Protein backbone atom coordinates (compact mmCIF):
# COMPACT_ATOMS: atom_id res chain seq x y z
CA MET A 1 0.13 0.45 -0.43
CA GLU A 2 1.33 3.65 -1.37
CA HIS A 3 1.11 6.36 1.60
CA GLN A 4 0.81 9.80 -0.79
CA GLY A 5 2.03 12.83 0.95
CA TYR A 6 3.61 10.34 3.13
CA ALA A 7 6.89 9.68 5.32
CA ARG A 8 8.30 6.05 6.49
CA ASN A 9 10.65 4.67 8.54
CA ALA A 10 11.26 1.19 10.25
CA GLY A 11 8.56 1.47 12.54
CA ALA A 12 5.84 4.76 11.21
CA VAL A 13 4.06 5.82 8.57
CA PHE A 14 3.64 9.87 8.66
CA SER A 15 3.58 13.55 7.83
CA LEU A 16 4.77 16.04 11.35
CA LYS A 17 4.75 19.13 10.16
CA TYR A 18 4.94 22.26 12.86
CA HIS A 19 3.59 25.45 13.22
CA LEU A 20 6.86 27.49 15.15
CA VAL A 21 6.09 31.44 15.53
CA PHE A 22 9.06 33.59 16.27
CA CYS A 23 9.19 36.78 17.57
CA PRO A 24 12.07 39.46 18.34
CA LYS A 25 12.33 41.02 21.97
CA TYR A 26 9.32 43.66 22.20
CA ARG A 27 8.21 42.45 19.07
CA LYS A 28 10.07 44.91 17.50
CA ALA A 29 9.01 45.59 13.91
CA VAL A 30 12.97 45.59 13.06
CA LEU A 31 12.68 42.08 10.03
CA VAL A 32 12.08 43.78 7.29
CA GLY A 33 14.23 44.84 4.10
CA PRO A 34 17.48 43.26 4.07
CA ILE A 35 17.75 41.82 7.34
CA ALA A 36 14.18 40.32 6.59
CA GLU A 37 15.90 38.83 2.87
CA ARG A 38 19.01 37.49 5.15
CA LEU A 39 16.83 35.94 8.29
CA LYS A 40 14.85 34.43 4.79
CA VAL A 41 18.02 32.79 3.55
CA LEU A 42 19.66 31.64 6.94
CA LEU A 43 16.33 29.87 8.82
CA ALA A 44 15.76 27.73 5.16
CA THR A 45 19.84 27.19 4.87
CA LYS A 46 19.23 26.16 9.00
CA ALA A 47 16.74 24.37 7.70
CA ALA A 48 18.35 21.73 5.21
CA ASP A 49 21.66 21.54 8.04
CA VAL A 50 18.69 19.88 10.32
CA GLN A 51 16.76 17.99 7.41
CA VAL A 52 13.57 19.58 7.48
CA THR A 53 11.25 20.64 5.34
CA LEU A 54 10.27 23.81 4.82
CA HIS A 55 6.69 24.37 3.87
CA THR A 56 6.12 27.81 4.45
CA LEU A 57 8.42 30.94 5.59
CA GLU A 58 6.42 34.48 6.20
CA VAL A 59 9.00 37.38 7.57
CA MET A 60 6.68 40.03 9.06
CA PRO A 61 8.15 43.34 10.61
CA ASP A 62 7.45 41.90 14.25
CA HIS A 63 6.75 38.02 13.87
CA VAL A 64 7.74 35.99 11.81
CA HIS A 65 5.58 32.50 10.98
CA MET A 66 7.44 28.91 9.86
CA CYS A 67 5.69 25.83 8.55
CA VAL A 68 8.06 22.68 8.91
CA GLU A 69 7.76 19.21 8.75
CA SER A 70 10.37 16.66 10.24
CA ASP A 71 10.45 12.80 10.94
CA PRO A 72 9.23 12.01 14.39
CA GLY A 73 12.82 11.66 15.97
CA MET A 74 13.32 15.26 16.50
CA ALA A 75 11.43 16.44 19.46
CA PRO A 76 8.85 19.93 18.36
CA ALA A 77 11.20 21.80 21.06
CA LYS A 78 14.63 20.68 19.92
CA LEU A 79 13.18 21.52 16.61
CA ALA A 80 12.33 24.89 17.20
CA ALA A 81 15.99 25.87 18.82
CA GLN A 82 17.53 24.73 16.03
CA PHE A 83 16.10 27.94 14.80
């Protein structure tokens, strides 16, 4: 049986997606212009380094939304700490 859209490992078939939100200190609107563009590059690079799939990334002036997909071997808290 094939599971489209799902990943598998030795003991499970899964699709784990996490919605992560990050805010700068005091939620100041500092994520604009070249800073926002550089942050997008850094987060995409880090996602590739830790071998997770970055589905969406939106940088707002005062916060960042990310939707990432990971395997069950990485705890959500560890995943968020990587970014």
